Amino acid sequence: MDPVFCLKRSHSLGLSLCIFCQERKTPTDDVREAGEQGLNTAQDATRSRKKLNDVKNREIVDLLENVLCRKDVHLIWHRNCYSQYTDKGKIQRLQLAS
């Protein structure tokens, strides 16, 4: 049986934007291109946040879950956005709250 509609949010993904905040880079931003280690860390954080049902970052978790499985995508992010999302302390607090 095919679903009548999809409950997942549709995402308009801007690959020239920070993957986390979807804002444009400016000359003063510390924008990084995703490397292999950074992608692995983001993927681990995404798995943890999804498992812990992080409702605050649900859109980002859904977006990254779909994007990180692709190998042909080149991502960029602000250093600050990346570090806030992958922060182990914040993920541990989610674990304690659940």
N, C-alpha and C. Protein backbone atom coordinates (compact mmCIF):
# COMPACT_ATOMS: atom_id res chain seq x y z
N MET A 1 0.84 -1.17 0.00
CA MET A 1 0.00 0.00 0.00
C MET A 1 0.89 1.24 0.00
N ASP A 2 0.65 2.12 -0.92
CA ASP A 2 1.42 3.36 -1.02
C ASP A 2 0.82 4.42 -0.10
N PRO A 3 1.67 5.22 0.54
CA PRO A 3 1.13 6.29 1.39
C PRO A 3 0.46 7.36 0.55
N VAL A 4 -0.58 7.96 1.12
CA VAL A 4 -1.31 9.02 0.44
C VAL A 4 -0.51 10.32 0.48
N PHE A 5 0.20 10.53 1.57
CA PHE A 5 1.02 11.73 1.69
C PHE A 5 2.22 11.40 2.57
N CYS A 6 3.20 12.26 2.52
CA CYS A 6 4.43 12.08 3.28
C CYS A 6 4.43 13.03 4.47
N LEU A 7 4.72 12.51 5.64
CA LEU A 7 4.74 13.34 6.83
C LEU A 7 6.06 14.09 7.01
N LYS A 8 7.08 13.69 6.28
CA LYS A 8 8.37 14.39 6.39
C LYS A 8 8.28 15.76 5.75
N ARG A 9 9.00 16.70 6.34
CA ARG A 9 9.04 18.05 5.80
C ARG A 9 9.85 18.06 4.51
N SER A 10 9.44 18.89 3.59
CA SER A 10 10.25 19.04 2.38
C SER A 10 11.38 20.02 2.68
N HIS A 11 12.53 19.76 2.11
CA HIS A 11 13.68 20.59 2.37
C HIS A 11 14.15 21.24 1.09
N SER A 12 14.35 22.52 1.14
CA SER A 12 15.00 23.18 0.02
C SER A 12 16.44 23.37 0.44
N LEU A 13 17.31 22.65 -0.17
CA LEU A 13 18.69 22.59 0.24
C LEU A 13 19.54 23.50 -0.61
N GLY A 14 20.21 24.42 0.03
CA GLY A 14 21.15 25.29 -0.66
C GLY A 14 22.57 24.81 -0.38
N LEU A 15 23.21 24.20 -1.37
CA LEU A 15 24.54 23.65 -1.15
C LEU A 15 25.63 24.71 -1.12
N SER A 16 25.29 25.93 -1.51
CA SER A 16 26.27 27.01 -1.39
C SER A 16 26.10 27.74 -0.06
N LEU A 17 25.21 27.23 0.78
CA LEU A 17 24.93 27.79 2.10
C LEU A 17 25.45 26.85 3.17
N CYS A 18 25.60 27.35 4.38
CA CYS A 18 25.96 26.50 5.51
C CYS A 18 24.88 25.44 5.67
N ILE A 19 25.26 24.18 5.74
CA ILE A 19 24.30 23.08 5.81
C ILE A 19 23.47 23.13 7.10
N PHE A 20 24.01 23.73 8.14
CA PHE A 20 23.30 23.77 9.42
C PHE A 20 22.33 24.94 9.54
N CYS A 21 22.77 26.14 9.21
CA CYS A 21 21.91 27.32 9.38
C CYS A 21 21.29 27.79 8.08
N GLN A 22 21.76 27.26 6.94
CA GLN A 22 21.27 27.62 5.62
C GLN A 22 21.35 29.12 5.37
N GLU A 23 22.41 29.75 5.89
CA GLU A 23 22.65 31.16 5.64
C GLU A 23 23.87 31.33 4.76
N ARG A 24 23.89 32.42 4.05
CA ARG A 24 24.99 32.70 3.12
C ARG A 24 26.29 32.97 3.88
N LYS A 25 27.35 32.63 3.23
CA LYS A 25 28.65 32.95 3.82
C LYS A 25 28.99 34.40 3.52
N THR A 26 29.61 35.03 4.46
CA THR A 26 30.08 36.40 4.28
C THR A 26 31.60 36.38 4.42
N PRO A 27 32.27 37.43 4.00
CA PRO A 27 33.74 37.45 4.09
C PRO A 27 34.27 37.26 5.51
N THR A 28 33.48 37.62 6.52
CA THR A 28 33.96 37.50 7.90
C THR A 28 33.64 36.14 8.52
N ASP A 29 32.82 35.33 7.88
CA ASP A 29 32.49 34.01 8.42
C ASP A 29 33.65 33.04 8.26
N ASP A 30 33.75 32.14 9.20
CA ASP A 30 34.74 31.08 9.11
C ASP A 30 34.04 29.86 8.51
N VAL A 31 34.03 29.80 7.18
CA VAL A 31 33.33 28.74 6.46
C VAL A 31 34.34 27.67 6.08
N ARG A 32 33.95 26.42 6.31
CA ARG A 32 34.82 25.29 6.00
C ARG A 32 34.14 24.36 5.02
N GLU A 33 34.93 23.74 4.18
CA GLU A 33 34.40 22.68 3.32
C GLU A 33 34.51 21.38 4.09
N ALA A 34 33.50 20.55 4.01
CA ALA A 34 33.45 19.31 4.76
C ALA A 34 34.51 18.33 4.27
N GLY A 35 35.30 17.83 5.22
CA GLY A 35 36.27 16.79 4.94
C GLY A 35 35.73 15.45 5.41
N GLU A 36 36.47 14.41 5.18
CA GLU A 36 36.02 13.06 5.55
C GLU A 36 35.77 12.93 7.05
N GLN A 37 36.69 13.41 7.86
CA GLN A 37 36.53 13.32 9.31
C GLN A 37 35.36 14.15 9.79
N GLY A 38 35.20 15.35 9.25
CA GLY A 38 34.08 16.21 9.62
C GLY A 38 32.74 15.59 9.25
N LEU A 39 32.68 14.96 8.08
CA LEU A 39 31.44 14.28 7.66
C LEU A 39 31.12 13.12 8.58
N ASN A 40 32.15 12.36 8.98
CA ASN A 40 31.92 11.24 9.89
C ASN A 40 31.42 11.72 11.25
N THR A 41 32.00 12.79 11.74
CA THR A 41 31.57 13.35 13.02
C THR A 41 30.14 13.87 12.94
N ALA A 42 29.81 14.56 11.86
CA ALA A 42 28.44 15.06 11.67
C ALA A 42 27.46 13.91 11.56
N GLN A 43 27.86 12.83 10.89
CA GLN A 43 26.98 11.67 10.76
C GLN A 43 26.75 11.00 12.11
N ASP A 44 27.80 10.88 12.93
CA ASP A 44 27.65 10.32 14.28
C ASP A 44 26.72 11.18 15.13
N ALA A 45 26.90 12.50 15.06
CA ALA A 45 26.04 13.41 15.83
C ALA A 45 24.60 13.32 15.35
N THR A 46 24.41 13.16 14.04
CA THR A 46 23.06 13.04 13.49
C THR A 46 22.39 11.77 13.99
N ARG A 47 23.12 10.66 13.98
CA ARG A 47 22.56 9.40 14.50
C ARG A 47 22.17 9.53 15.97
N SER A 48 23.06 10.13 16.76
CA SER A 48 22.79 10.30 18.19
C SER A 48 21.59 11.20 18.42
N ARG A 49 21.53 12.32 17.72
CA ARG A 49 20.42 13.25 17.90
C ARG A 49 19.09 12.64 17.46
N LYS A 50 19.12 11.84 16.41
CA LYS A 50 17.89 11.19 15.97
C LYS A 50 17.44 10.15 17.00
N LYS A 51 18.37 9.37 17.48
CA LYS A 51 18.07 8.34 18.47
C LYS A 51 17.50 8.96 19.75
N LEU A 52 18.02 10.13 20.13
CA LEU A 52 17.59 10.81 21.34
C LEU A 52 16.39 11.73 21.12
N ASN A 53 15.86 11.73 19.89
CA ASN A 53 14.67 12.51 19.54
C ASN A 53 14.86 13.99 19.85
N ASP A 54 15.89 14.57 19.26
CA ASP A 54 16.20 15.99 19.45
C ASP A 54 15.19 16.83 18.66
N VAL A 55 14.13 17.26 19.34
CA VAL A 55 13.07 18.00 18.66
C VAL A 55 13.51 19.41 18.26
N LYS A 56 14.45 19.98 18.98
CA LYS A 56 14.92 21.33 18.66
C LYS A 56 15.62 21.37 17.30
N ASN A 57 16.33 20.32 16.97
CA ASN A 57 17.10 20.26 15.73
C ASN A 57 16.53 19.24 14.75
N ARG A 58 15.26 18.96 14.82
CA ARG A 58 14.66 17.92 13.99
C ARG A 58 14.84 18.18 12.50
N GLU A 59 14.67 19.41 12.06
CA GLU A 59 14.82 19.71 10.63
C GLU A 59 16.25 19.48 10.16
N ILE A 60 17.20 19.89 10.97
CA ILE A 60 18.60 19.69 10.60
C ILE A 60 18.94 18.20 10.59
N VAL A 61 18.45 17.47 11.58
CA VAL A 61 18.70 16.03 11.66
C VAL A 61 18.13 15.34 10.42
N ASP A 62 16.88 15.66 10.06
CA ASP A 62 16.28 15.05 8.87
C ASP A 62 17.05 15.42 7.60
N LEU A 63 17.43 16.67 7.49
CA LEU A 63 18.17 17.14 6.33
C LEU A 63 19.51 16.43 6.21
N LEU A 64 20.26 16.39 7.31
CA LEU A 64 21.57 15.75 7.27
C LEU A 64 21.47 14.25 7.05
N GLU A 65 20.45 13.65 7.60
CA GLU A 65 20.27 12.21 7.40
C GLU A 65 20.12 11.89 5.91
N ASN A 66 19.41 12.74 5.19
CA ASN A 66 19.22 12.53 3.75
C ASN A 66 20.46 12.90 2.94
N VAL A 67 21.16 13.95 3.35
CA VAL A 67 22.29 14.44 2.57
C VAL A 67 23.56 13.63 2.81
N LEU A 68 23.81 13.22 4.05
CA LEU A 68 25.07 12.55 4.36
C LEU A 68 25.18 11.15 3.75
N CYS A 69 24.07 10.57 3.34
CA CYS A 69 24.15 9.24 2.72
C CYS A 69 24.63 9.33 1.27
N ARG A 70 24.61 10.52 0.69
CA ARG A 70 25.08 10.71 -0.68
C ARG A 70 26.59 10.94 -0.68
N LYS A 71 27.24 10.41 -1.67
CA LYS A 71 28.69 10.58 -1.78
C LYS A 71 29.08 11.73 -2.72
N ASP A 72 28.14 12.17 -3.55
CA ASP A 72 28.45 13.17 -4.57
C ASP A 72 28.20 14.61 -4.11
N VAL A 73 27.88 14.82 -2.85
CA VAL A 73 27.54 16.15 -2.36
C VAL A 73 28.74 16.75 -1.62
N HIS A 74 29.05 18.00 -1.95
CA HIS A 74 30.10 18.73 -1.25
C HIS A 74 29.44 19.76 -0.34
N LEU A 75 29.65 19.62 0.94
CA LEU A 75 29.00 20.48 1.92
C LEU A 75 29.95 21.51 2.46
N ILE A 76 29.38 22.65 2.87
CA ILE A 76 30.14 23.67 3.59
C ILE A 76 29.36 24.00 4.86
N TRP A 77 30.08 24.52 5.84
CA TRP A 77 29.44 24.92 7.09
C TRP A 77 30.28 25.97 7.78
N HIS A 78 29.59 26.74 8.62
CA HIS A 78 30.29 27.67 9.49
C HIS A 78 30.93 26.85 10.62
N ARG A 79 32.10 27.22 11.00
CA ARG A 79 32.80 26.48 12.06
C ARG A 79 31.97 26.46 13.34
N ASN A 80 31.34 27.58 13.67
CA ASN A 80 30.53 27.68 14.88
C ASN A 80 29.28 26.80 14.79
N CYS A 81 28.61 26.78 13.66
CA CYS A 81 27.41 25.94 13.49
C CYS A 81 27.76 24.47 13.63
N TYR A 82 28.87 24.07 13.01
CA TYR A 82 29.32 22.68 13.07
C TYR A 82 29.65 22.28 14.51
N SER A 83 30.38 23.14 15.21
CA SER A 83 30.79 22.78 16.57
C SER A 83 29.60 22.73 17.53
N GLN A 84 28.60 23.58 17.33
CA GLN A 84 27.41 23.52 18.18
C GLN A 84 26.61 22.24 17.94
N TYR A 85 26.53 21.83 16.67
CA TYR A 85 25.75 20.64 16.33
C TYR A 85 26.44 19.36 16.80
N THR A 86 27.76 19.30 16.70
CA THR A 86 28.48 18.08 17.03
C THR A 86 29.00 18.05 18.46
N ASP A 87 28.71 19.07 19.25
CA ASP A 87 29.20 19.17 20.63
C ASP A 87 28.74 17.97 21.46
N LYS A 88 29.69 17.20 21.96
CA LYS A 88 29.38 16.00 22.74
C LYS A 88 28.66 16.34 24.04
N GLY A 89 28.96 17.48 24.62
CA GLY A 89 28.30 17.89 25.86
C GLY A 89 26.81 18.11 25.65
N LYS A 90 26.46 18.73 24.54
CA LYS A 90 25.04 18.97 24.25
C LYS A 90 24.32 17.65 23.97
N ILE A 91 24.99 16.73 23.31
CA ILE A 91 24.39 15.43 23.03
C ILE A 91 24.23 14.64 24.33
N GLN A 92 25.19 14.75 25.25
CA GLN A 92 25.07 14.09 26.55
C GLN A 92 23.90 14.65 27.35
N ARG A 93 23.69 15.97 27.27
CA ARG A 93 22.54 16.56 27.96
C ARG A 93 21.22 16.06 27.42
N LEU A 94 21.17 15.83 26.10
CA LEU A 94 19.98 15.23 25.51
C LEU A 94 19.75 13.83 26.07
N GLN A 95 20.86 13.11 26.22
CA GLN A 95 20.77 11.74 26.74
C GLN A 95 20.25 11.74 28.17
N LEU A 96 20.70 12.68 28.97
CA LEU A 96 20.26 12.78 30.37
C LEU A 96 18.79 13.20 30.46
N ALA A 97 18.35 14.00 29.52
CA ALA A 97 16.97 14.50 29.54
C ALA A 97 15.98 13.44 29.11
N SER A 98 16.44 12.44 28.36
CA SER A 98 15.49 11.43 27.88
C SER A 98 15.33 10.27 28.82
